[in-house]
Each structure stands twice: as C-alpha cells, then as structure tokens.
Amino acid sequence: MLRFKSLASGSSGNATLVQARSGGRATHLLVDCGLGIRNLTKRLGAAGLLADQIDAIFITHEHGDHVGCARAVALRERIPVYMSAGTYAAIEEPDFDGLLRLVRDGEPIELGALQFTPFAVPHDAREPLHLRCTDGATRLGVVTDLGYVTADVLQNLAGCRSLVLECNHDEDLLSSGPYPWFLKRRIGGHRGHLANGAAAMAARWLASTGLQQVVAAHLSKQNNRPELAQAAVADAMGCGASDVLVADEATGTGWLTA
C-alpha cells in the first residue's frame, strides 16, 4: 500500500512523507526537509513517526524552504540523502559523512518497498528534480516547484493515481498584487512557479491517464486563495471543489492513500 502526507507546504517550508508497505515492513521517504529540526520532529510525531524511522531523504532543489534541516537530521539519524549533483553544488558541497547519494533524471531508485524516479523540471534552481513514486501497484507524483509543465513532466506523471501538484498563484492576483515587477516576472516566468490555470491544464490531461486525486501544494499566501486553486483543479478534473485537498504551511495534510 502506498500512502503520503504533506507535513508542510509553502514558502516557509516544504516536506512530504511517502510510505510504502509490504507485509509488516513500511518504507518511509521524506521528500524535502524544509523545516527546522524541532518543527520537523513535532510534525513527524503527529504523523506517528520518529525521525529514525525515515529510510531516506530526497531533496528536490537547493532553496532553503526545501533543504532546511536535512543535513542535521541525516547526520544525527544516519539517513541517506538523495539529490542531484547540481543541487549538491548549489548548497556548496557540505560533508554528509558518506550518506550522500547523487541521482540523475530518469534513473529509478529502489528503497525497500518503494521505487522512486527523479525527473527534471523547469525552475530557477541548479538541477531541480521531482519524483514519481510507486509500490508496484499504484503511482504517486510529487511536483511542488516548477515554472511550467513540459511534455516530459507530463509523460513522467502519466499513470499516477495521485498527485501533489504546485498551485502557487492566481494569475490575476499576482498581476494586481503588491510585488515589484521583477518579482512578478520571476514567479510567473518559465523558471518560476506554477499558476492555478497551468496546474489545472496538467490535471485535465493527466486525468485521461488515470489521475484521480490532486493535492494542491505550495500556495502563495499573497497571490492565491485555497478556494481559487480548488475551483481551478476541480473544474479540470470534473469533481467537486471539496474533493481537491490543499496542503498548507501550518498543518500540511492528513495521511492519504495514493
């Protein structure tokens, strides 16, 4: 069985747990670790886990709201950390004491009952990678930071039953909001963050390949509203707005079955 839970999602911190269970053994992957160590420990506890139950950490890219306390937790609990060579270079190549695992676009990784495959996305980072995860029976996509949805991203997510998908901003709110022009241009650009409309278009296409569940993630406090993201994705998926869950910074989500 494949389950997932957002611990936090937003500009102040991102972390998603993925759990695959085979028999009595559960495998836990932490996708991003963009929280302080005390906050992470607290949220893991609320999820029913201790830090030493994490089997691996995957860092999507070098921004602080995704890297967070990854190195500190890894060294303390002896947890392997996966990231791209570009991400490692961007965080200035700290010593992971043998725990670092460099990965590349398209190369699957076996981790207990879980297989996860990194794939490249367009974002303003050195070598960002996001994930497709499977337990062999179902697929989950985790894509929280990208400027636009490329054909390659869609192909990597095709067949996913569940998807954690960035819905960062509403284009009208971003355009009319208080941000300076250069920042609006960066956020709305091809290496920035995904708008509700673009997320909805991706969800519509992926629904034709089996997508049934979308969790809207990485919503901007200034440039989006949960109800706007939900309405856009729900319209694309042909479901009710309440069927689209929103991962937030304060509580993330509950455990969900992929």
C-alpha atoms as a PDB file:
ATOM      1  CA  MET A   1       0.000   0.000   0.000  1.00  0.00           C
ATOM      2  CA  LEU A   2       1.224   3.480  -0.885  1.00  0.00           C
ATOM      3  CA  ARG A   3       0.355   6.440   1.364  1.00  0.00           C
ATOM      4  CA  PHE A   4       1.530  10.016   1.576  1.00  0.00           C
ATOM      5  CA  LYS A   5       1.218  13.027   3.857  1.00  0.00           C
ATOM      6  CA  SER A   6       2.308  16.619   3.492  1.00  0.00           C
ATOM      7  CA  LEU A   7       3.986  17.814   6.676  1.00  0.00           C
ATOM      8  CA  ALA A   8       4.118  21.398   5.374  1.00  0.00           C
ATOM      9  CA  SER A   9       3.799  23.158   2.043  1.00  0.00           C
ATOM     10  CA  GLY A  10       4.540  26.801   1.328  1.00  0.00           C
ATOM     11  CA  SER A  11       7.254  29.406   1.085  1.00  0.00           C
ATOM     12  CA  SER A  12       8.322  28.916   4.712  1.00  0.00           C
ATOM     13  CA  GLY A  13       8.833  25.168   4.460  1.00  0.00           C
ATOM     14  CA  ASN A  14       8.077  22.050   2.438  1.00  0.00           C
ATOM     15  CA  ALA A  15       8.171  18.378   3.398  1.00  0.00           C
ATOM     16  CA  THR A  16       6.178  15.371   2.179  1.00  0.00           C
ATOM     17  CA  LEU A  17       6.213  11.841   3.598  1.00  0.00           C
ATOM     18  CA  VAL A  18       5.764   8.871   1.278  1.00  0.00           C
ATOM     19  CA  GLN A  19       5.136   5.457   2.815  1.00  0.00           C
ATOM     20  CA  ALA A  20       5.129   2.091   1.043  1.00  0.00           C
ATOM     21  CA  ARG A  21       4.205  -1.028   2.971  1.00  0.00           C
ATOM     22  CA  SER A  22       4.943  -4.624   2.055  1.00  0.00           C
ATOM     23  CA  GLY A  23       3.838  -7.199   4.581  1.00  0.00           C
ATOM     24  CA  GLY A  24       4.688  -5.864   8.014  1.00  0.00           C
ATOM     25  CA  ARG A  25       7.549  -3.615   6.838  1.00  0.00           C
ATOM     26  CA  ALA A  26       6.998   0.040   5.979  1.00  0.00           C
ATOM     27  CA  THR A  27       9.429   2.160   3.956  1.00  0.00           C
ATOM     28  CA  HIS A  28       9.420   5.930   4.543  1.00  0.00           C
ATOM     29  CA  LEU A  29      10.805   8.539   2.147  1.00  0.00           C
ATOM     30  CA  LEU A  30      10.880  12.199   3.166  1.00  0.00           C
ATOM     31  CA  VAL A  31      10.640  14.410   0.082  1.00  0.00           C
ATOM     32  CA  ASP A  32      12.262  17.703   1.070  1.00  0.00           C
ATOM     33  CA  CYS A  33      13.060  18.738   4.609  1.00  0.00           C
ATOM     34  CA  GLY A  34      12.427  22.476   4.608  1.00  0.00           C
ATOM     35  CA  LEU A  35      11.640  22.821   8.316  1.00  0.00           C
ATOM     36  CA  GLY A  36      13.610  23.467  11.472  1.00  0.00           C
ATOM     37  CA  ILE A  37      14.616  20.313  13.294  1.00  0.00           C
ATOM     38  CA  ARG A  38      12.231  20.839  16.229  1.00  0.00           C
ATOM     39  CA  ASN A  39       9.318  21.573  13.947  1.00  0.00           C
ATOM     40  CA  LEU A  40      10.123  18.546  11.806  1.00  0.00           C
ATOM     41  CA  THR A  41      10.309  16.301  14.864  1.00  0.00           C
ATOM     42  CA  LYS A  42       6.963  17.625  16.094  1.00  0.00           C
ATOM     43  CA  ARG A  43       5.247  17.081  12.755  1.00  0.00           C
ATOM     44  CA  LEU A  44       6.714  13.612  12.329  1.00  0.00           C
ATOM     45  CA  GLY A  45       5.372  12.776  15.779  1.00  0.00           C
ATOM     46  CA  ALA A  46       1.929  13.984  14.759  1.00  0.00           C
ATOM     47  CA  ALA A  47       2.203  11.638  11.770  1.00  0.00           C
ATOM     48  CA  GLY A  48       3.027   8.749  14.090  1.00  0.00           C
ATOM     49  CA  LEU A  49       6.712   8.553  13.236  1.00  0.00           C
ATOM     50  CA  LEU A  50      10.103   9.161  14.780  1.00  0.00           C
ATOM     51  CA  ALA A  51      12.937  10.651  12.747  1.00  0.00           C
ATOM     52  CA  ASP A  52      14.881   7.378  12.911  1.00  0.00           C
ATOM     53  CA  GLN A  53      12.041   5.658  11.010  1.00  0.00           C
ATOM     54  CA  ILE A  54      12.810   7.674   7.883  1.00  0.00           C
ATOM     55  CA  ASP A  55      14.672   5.450   5.425  1.00  0.00           C
ATOM     56  CA  ALA A  56      15.830   8.218   3.083  1.00  0.00           C
ATOM     57  CA  ILE A  57      15.535  11.934   2.374  1.00  0.00           C
ATOM     58  CA  PHE A  58      15.165  13.283  -1.163  1.00  0.00           C
ATOM     59  CA  ILE A  59      15.943  16.963  -1.774  1.00  0.00           C
ATOM     60  CA  THR A  60      14.292  18.379  -4.890  1.00  0.00           C
ATOM     61  CA  HIS A  61      16.457  21.513  -5.109  1.00  0.00           C
ATOM     62  CA  GLU A  62      18.645  23.852  -3.092  1.00  0.00           C
ATOM     63  CA  HIS A  63      16.195  26.512  -1.918  1.00  0.00           C
ATOM     64  CA  GLY A  64      16.036  26.884   1.851  1.00  0.00           C
ATOM     65  CA  ASP A  65      12.348  26.019   2.132  1.00  0.00           C
ATOM     66  CA  HIS A  66      13.206  22.588   0.723  1.00  0.00           C
ATOM     67  CA  VAL A  67      16.657  21.832   2.175  1.00  0.00           C
ATOM     68  CA  GLY A  68      16.007  23.055   5.723  1.00  0.00           C
ATOM     69  CA  CYS A  69      17.437  20.733   8.359  1.00  0.00           C
ATOM     70  CA  ALA A  70      18.136  17.817   6.001  1.00  0.00           C
ATOM     71  CA  ARG A  71      21.849  17.550   6.742  1.00  0.00           C
ATOM     72  CA  ALA A  72      21.419  17.860  10.510  1.00  0.00           C
ATOM     73  CA  VAL A  73      18.736  15.170  10.623  1.00  0.00           C
ATOM     74  CA  ALA A  74      20.641  12.902   8.266  1.00  0.00           C
ATOM     75  CA  LEU A  75      23.838  13.069  10.292  1.00  0.00           C
ATOM     76  CA  ARG A  76      22.028  12.599  13.604  1.00  0.00           C
ATOM     77  CA  GLU A  77      19.934   9.628  12.472  1.00  0.00           C
ATOM     78  CA  ARG A  78      22.287   8.231   9.784  1.00  0.00           C
ATOM     79  CA  ILE A  79      19.748   8.665   6.981  1.00  0.00           C
ATOM     80  CA  PRO A  80      20.866   8.570   3.323  1.00  0.00           C
ATOM     81  CA  VAL A  81      20.192  11.805   1.413  1.00  0.00           C
ATOM     82  CA  TYR A  82      19.439  11.821  -2.322  1.00  0.00           C
ATOM     83  CA  MET A  83      19.831  14.872  -4.559  1.00  0.00           C
ATOM     84  CA  SER A  84      21.191  15.895  -7.948  1.00  0.00           C
ATOM     85  CA  ALA A  85      24.809  16.871  -8.475  1.00  0.00           C
ATOM     86  CA  GLY A  86      23.610  20.378  -9.319  1.00  0.00           C
ATOM     87  CA  THR A  87      21.722  20.680  -6.052  1.00  0.00           C
ATOM     88  CA  TYR A  88      24.758  19.442  -4.135  1.00  0.00           C
ATOM     89  CA  ALA A  89      26.960  22.016  -5.829  1.00  0.00           C
ATOM     90  CA  ALA A  90      24.406  24.748  -5.130  1.00  0.00           C
ATOM     91  CA  ILE A  91      24.437  24.027  -1.379  1.00  0.00           C
ATOM     92  CA  GLU A  92      28.266  24.273  -1.526  1.00  0.00           C
ATOM     93  CA  GLU A  93      29.014  20.555  -1.193  1.00  0.00           C
ATOM     94  CA  PRO A  94      28.861  20.028   2.581  1.00  0.00           C
ATOM     95  CA  ASP A  95      30.147  16.805   4.114  1.00  0.00           C
ATOM     96  CA  PHE A  96      27.388  14.202   4.524  1.00  0.00           C
ATOM     97  CA  ASP A  97      29.756  11.659   6.069  1.00  0.00           C
ATOM     98  CA  GLY A  98      29.085   9.010   3.434  1.00  0.00           C
ATOM     99  CA  LEU A  99      25.313   9.468   3.419  1.00  0.00           C
ATOM    100  CA  LEU A 100      25.043  11.419   0.163  1.00  0.00           C
ATOM    101  CA  ARG A 101      23.579   9.687  -2.889  1.00  0.00           C
ATOM    102  CA  LEU A 102      23.745  11.644  -6.154  1.00  0.00           C
ATOM    103  CA  VAL A 103      20.922  10.911  -8.583  1.00  0.00           C
ATOM    104  CA  ARG A 104      20.056  11.792 -12.153  1.00  0.00           C
ATOM    105  CA  ASP A 105      16.988  12.481 -14.238  1.00  0.00           C
ATOM    106  CA  GLY A 106      15.208   9.261 -15.200  1.00  0.00           C
ATOM    107  CA  GLU A 107      17.205   6.816 -13.069  1.00  0.00           C
ATOM    108  CA  PRO A 108      14.908   4.868 -10.686  1.00  0.00           C
ATOM    109  CA  ILE A 109      15.952   4.189  -7.089  1.00  0.00           C
ATOM    110  CA  GLU A 110      14.869   1.116  -5.131  1.00  0.00           C
ATOM    111  CA  LEU A 111      14.216   1.710  -1.440  1.00  0.00           C
ATOM    112  CA  GLY A 112      12.631  -1.202   0.390  1.00  0.00           C
ATOM    113  CA  ALA A 113       9.005  -1.499  -0.747  1.00  0.00           C
ATOM    114  CA  LEU A 114       9.253   1.796  -2.649  1.00  0.00           C
ATOM    115  CA  GLN A 115      10.670   2.749  -6.032  1.00  0.00           C
ATOM    116  CA  PHE A 116      11.079   6.455  -6.843  1.00  0.00           C
ATOM    117  CA  THR A 117      12.193   8.007 -10.093  1.00  0.00           C
ATOM    118  CA  PRO A 118      13.521  11.594 -10.292  1.00  0.00           C
ATOM    119  CA  PHE A 119      12.717  13.736 -13.306  1.00  0.00           C
ATOM    120  CA  ALA A 120      13.784  17.211 -14.361  1.00  0.00           C
ATOM    121  CA  VAL A 121      11.522  20.260 -14.116  1.00  0.00           C
ATOM    122  CA  PRO A 122      11.973  23.905 -15.178  1.00  0.00           C
ATOM    123  CA  HIS A 123      12.636  26.008 -12.069  1.00  0.00           C
ATOM    124  CA  ASP A 124      15.126  28.678 -11.001  1.00  0.00           C
ATOM    125  CA  ALA A 125      17.490  26.212  -9.371  1.00  0.00           C
ATOM    126  CA  ARG A 126      20.727  24.466 -10.390  1.00  0.00           C
ATOM    127  CA  GLU A 127      19.391  20.987 -11.267  1.00  0.00           C
ATOM    128  CA  PRO A 128      15.898  20.543  -9.801  1.00  0.00           C
ATOM    129  CA  LEU A 129      14.347  17.096  -9.776  1.00  0.00           C
ATOM    130  CA  HIS A 130      10.897  15.987  -8.675  1.00  0.00           C
ATOM    131  CA  LEU A 131       9.531  12.486  -8.177  1.00  0.00           C
ATOM    132  CA  ARG A 132       7.300   9.705  -9.355  1.00  0.00           C
ATOM    133  CA  CYS A 133       6.845   7.037  -6.666  1.00  0.00           C
ATOM    134  CA  THR A 134       5.379   3.539  -6.803  1.00  0.00           C
ATOM    135  CA  ASP A 135       4.933   0.461  -4.667  1.00  0.00           C
ATOM    136  CA  GLY A 136       4.343  -1.628  -7.795  1.00  0.00           C
ATOM    137  CA  ALA A 137       0.581  -1.339  -7.573  1.00  0.00           C
ATOM    138  CA  THR A 138      -0.095   2.404  -7.794  1.00  0.00           C
ATOM    139  CA  ARG A 139       1.764   5.621  -8.607  1.00  0.00           C
ATOM    140  CA  LEU A 140       2.153   8.962  -6.866  1.00  0.00           C
ATOM    141  CA  GLY A 141       3.659  12.149  -8.279  1.00  0.00           C
ATOM    142  CA  VAL A 142       5.200  14.903  -6.135  1.00  0.00           C
ATOM    143  CA  VAL A 143       5.784  18.147  -8.060  1.00  0.00           C
ATOM    144  CA  THR A 144       5.895  21.286  -5.928  1.00  0.00           C
ATOM    145  CA  ASP A 145       8.143  23.813  -7.740  1.00  0.00           C
ATOM    146  CA  LEU A 146       8.126  24.391 -11.483  1.00  0.00           C
ATOM    147  CA  GLY A 147       7.555  27.279 -13.833  1.00  0.00           C
ATOM    148  CA  TYR A 148       5.502  25.381 -16.402  1.00  0.00           C
ATOM    149  CA  VAL A 149       4.505  21.828 -17.215  1.00  0.00           C
ATOM    150  CA  THR A 150       6.632  20.426 -20.001  1.00  0.00           C
ATOM    151  CA  ALA A 151       5.721  17.446 -22.184  1.00  0.00           C
ATOM    152  CA  ASP A 152       8.429  15.485 -20.369  1.00  0.00           C
ATOM    153  CA  VAL A 153       6.892  16.298 -16.973  1.00  0.00           C
ATOM    154  CA  LEU A 154       3.506  15.084 -18.229  1.00  0.00           C
ATOM    155  CA  GLN A 155       4.998  11.858 -19.530  1.00  0.00           C
ATOM    156  CA  ASN A 156       6.709  11.222 -16.208  1.00  0.00           C
ATOM    157  CA  LEU A 157       3.433  11.754 -14.343  1.00  0.00           C
ATOM    158  CA  ALA A 158       1.230   9.794 -16.754  1.00  0.00           C
ATOM    159  CA  GLY A 159      -0.449   6.920 -14.964  1.00  0.00           C
ATOM    160  CA  CYS A 160      -0.193   8.458 -11.497  1.00  0.00           C
ATOM    161  CA  ARG A 161      -3.352   7.918  -9.479  1.00  0.00           C
ATOM    162  CA  SER A 162      -2.470  10.677  -7.001  1.00  0.00           C
ATOM    163  CA  LEU A 163      -0.512  13.893  -7.402  1.00  0.00           C
ATOM    164  CA  VAL A 164       0.866  16.558  -5.092  1.00  0.00           C
ATOM    165  CA  LEU A 165       0.868  19.487  -7.528  1.00  0.00           C
ATOM    166  CA  GLU A 166       2.027  23.064  -7.179  1.00  0.00           C
ATOM    167  CA  CYS A 167      -0.779  25.632  -7.437  1.00  0.00           C
ATOM    168  CA  ASN A 168       1.324  28.600  -6.440  1.00  0.00           C
ATOM    169  CA  HIS A 169      -0.584  31.618  -7.674  1.00  0.00           C
ATOM    170  CA  ASP A 170      -3.658  33.010  -9.326  1.00  0.00           C
ATOM    171  CA  GLU A 171      -2.501  34.993 -12.332  1.00  0.00           C
ATOM    172  CA  ASP A 172      -4.867  37.911 -11.688  1.00  0.00           C
ATOM    173  CA  LEU A 173      -3.887  38.167  -8.012  1.00  0.00           C
ATOM    174  CA  LEU A 174      -0.200  38.069  -8.916  1.00  0.00           C
ATOM    175  CA  SER A 175      -0.636  40.727 -11.612  1.00  0.00           C
ATOM    176  CA  SER A 176      -2.602  43.110  -9.406  1.00  0.00           C
ATOM    177  CA  GLY A 177      -0.748  42.412  -6.162  1.00  0.00           C
ATOM    178  CA  PRO A 178       1.927  44.419  -4.339  1.00  0.00           C
ATOM    179  CA  TYR A 179       5.009  42.541  -5.507  1.00  0.00           C
ATOM    180  CA  PRO A 180       7.546  44.539  -7.561  1.00  0.00           C
ATOM    181  CA  TRP A 181       7.513  43.939 -11.290  1.00  0.00           C
ATOM    182  CA  PHE A 182      10.760  41.952 -11.401  1.00  0.00           C
ATOM    183  CA  LEU A 183       9.454  39.508  -8.764  1.00  0.00           C
ATOM    184  CA  LYS A 184       6.124  39.090 -10.546  1.00  0.00           C
ATOM    185  CA  ARG A 185       8.041  38.327 -13.711  1.00  0.00           C
ATOM    186  CA  ARG A 186      10.201  35.723 -11.972  1.00  0.00           C
ATOM    187  CA  ILE A 187       7.272  33.994 -10.276  1.00  0.00           C
ATOM    188  CA  GLY A 188       5.187  33.931 -13.424  1.00  0.00           C
ATOM    189  CA  GLY A 189       8.058  33.001 -15.730  1.00  0.00           C
ATOM    190  CA  HIS A 190       9.034  29.640 -17.184  1.00  0.00           C
ATOM    191  CA  ARG A 191      11.501  29.013 -14.358  1.00  0.00           C
ATOM    192  CA  GLY A 192       9.255  30.327 -11.605  1.00  0.00           C
ATOM    193  CA  HIS A 193       6.147  28.843 -10.038  1.00  0.00           C
ATOM    194  CA  LEU A 194       3.023  27.217 -11.419  1.00  0.00           C
ATOM    195  CA  ALA A 195      -0.220  29.166 -11.771  1.00  0.00           C
ATOM    196  CA  ASN A 196      -3.614  27.652 -10.942  1.00  0.00           C
ATOM    197  CA  GLY A 197      -4.596  27.628 -14.598  1.00  0.00           C
ATOM    198  CA  ALA A 198      -1.469  25.779 -15.689  1.00  0.00           C
ATOM    199  CA  ALA A 199      -1.893  23.278 -12.866  1.00  0.00           C
ATOM    200  CA  ALA A 200      -5.485  22.711 -13.953  1.00  0.00           C
ATOM    201  CA  MET A 201      -4.453  22.086 -17.567  1.00  0.00           C
ATOM    202  CA  ALA A 202      -1.940  19.484 -16.392  1.00  0.00           C
ATOM    203  CA  ALA A 203      -4.545  17.828 -14.155  1.00  0.00           C
ATOM    204  CA  ARG A 204      -7.011  17.666 -17.051  1.00  0.00           C
ATOM    205  CA  TRP A 205      -4.503  15.894 -19.294  1.00  0.00           C
ATOM    206  CA  LEU A 206      -3.344  13.546 -16.525  1.00  0.00           C
ATOM    207  CA  ALA A 207      -6.936  12.629 -15.659  1.00  0.00           C
ATOM    208  CA  SER A 208      -7.107  10.939 -19.046  1.00  0.00           C
ATOM    209  CA  THR A 209      -4.183   8.712 -17.958  1.00  0.00           C
ATOM    210  CA  GLY A 210      -5.715   7.676 -14.634  1.00  0.00           C
ATOM    211  CA  LEU A 211      -5.219  10.615 -12.262  1.00  0.00           C
ATOM    212  CA  GLN A 212      -7.939  10.580  -9.584  1.00  0.00           C
ATOM    213  CA  GLN A 213      -6.607  12.616  -6.642  1.00  0.00           C
ATOM    214  CA  VAL A 214      -4.867  16.002  -6.593  1.00  0.00           C
ATOM    215  CA  VAL A 215      -3.441  17.778  -3.568  1.00  0.00           C
ATOM    216  CA  ALA A 216      -2.813  21.457  -4.312  1.00  0.00           C
ATOM    217  CA  ALA A 217       0.550  22.482  -2.880  1.00  0.00           C
ATOM    218  CA  HIS A 218       2.897  25.433  -2.371  1.00  0.00           C
ATOM    219  CA  LEU A 219       0.119  28.040  -2.445  1.00  0.00           C
ATOM    220  CA  SER A 220       1.278  31.637  -2.117  1.00  0.00           C
ATOM    221  CA  LYS A 221      -0.251  33.500   0.827  1.00  0.00           C
ATOM    222  CA  GLN A 222      -0.146  36.771  -1.087  1.00  0.00           C
ATOM    223  CA  ASN A 223      -1.054  35.627  -4.593  1.00  0.00           C
ATOM    224  CA  ASN A 224      -3.510  32.789  -4.181  1.00  0.00           C
ATOM    225  CA  ARG A 225      -6.500  31.553  -2.222  1.00  0.00           C
ATOM    226  CA  PRO A 226      -7.258  27.891  -1.447  1.00  0.00           C
ATOM    227  CA  GLU A 227     -10.726  28.174  -2.953  1.00  0.00           C
ATOM    228  CA  LEU A 228      -9.293  29.501  -6.234  1.00  0.00           C
ATOM    229  CA  ALA A 229      -6.841  26.626  -6.555  1.00  0.00           C
ATOM    230  CA  GLN A 230      -9.529  24.099  -5.649  1.00  0.00           C
ATOM    231  CA  ALA A 231     -12.018  25.511  -8.148  1.00  0.00           C
ATOM    232  CA  ALA A 232      -9.494  25.509 -10.998  1.00  0.00           C
ATOM    233  CA  VAL A 233      -8.358  21.923 -10.438  1.00  0.00           C
ATOM    234  CA  ALA A 234     -11.869  20.644  -9.700  1.00  0.00           C
ATOM    235  CA  ASP A 235     -13.167  22.076 -12.964  1.00  0.00           C
ATOM    236  CA  ALA A 236     -10.365  20.317 -14.827  1.00  0.00           C
ATOM    237  CA  MET A 237     -10.916  17.012 -13.024  1.00  0.00           C
ATOM    238  CA  GLY A 238     -14.722  17.114 -13.220  1.00  0.00           C
ATOM    239  CA  CYS A 239     -15.123  16.821  -9.457  1.00  0.00           C
ATOM    240  CA  GLY A 240     -16.292  18.998  -6.578  1.00  0.00           C
ATOM    241  CA  ALA A 241     -14.013  21.685  -5.161  1.00  0.00           C
ATOM    242  CA  SER A 242     -14.046  19.922  -1.791  1.00  0.00           C
ATOM    243  CA  ASP A 243     -12.546  16.837  -3.478  1.00  0.00           C
ATOM    244  CA  VAL A 244      -9.343  18.793  -4.128  1.00  0.00           C
ATOM    245  CA  LEU A 245      -7.319  18.942  -0.927  1.00  0.00           C
ATOM    246  CA  VAL A 246      -4.926  21.770  -0.093  1.00  0.00           C
ATOM    247  CA  ALA A 247      -1.589  21.261   1.673  1.00  0.00           C
ATOM    248  CA  ASP A 248      -0.749  24.269   3.816  1.00  0.00           C
ATOM    249  CA  GLU A 249       2.212  25.526   5.828  1.00  0.00           C
ATOM    250  CA  ALA A 250       0.628  25.051   9.238  1.00  0.00           C
ATOM    251  CA  THR A 251      -0.720  21.508   9.070  1.00  0.00           C
ATOM    252  CA  GLY A 252       0.072  20.019   5.665  1.00  0.00           C
ATOM    253  CA  THR A 253      -2.484  17.233   5.136  1.00  0.00           C
ATOM    254  CA  GLY A 254      -3.554  14.063   6.855  1.00  0.00           C
ATOM    255  CA  TRP A 255      -2.404  10.664   5.638  1.00  0.00           C
ATOM    256  CA  LEU A 256      -3.820   9.932   2.180  1.00  0.00           C
ATOM    257  CA  THR A 257      -3.901   6.686   0.207  1.00  0.00           C
ATOM    258  CA  ALA A 258      -2.281   7.057  -3.190  1.00  0.00           C
END
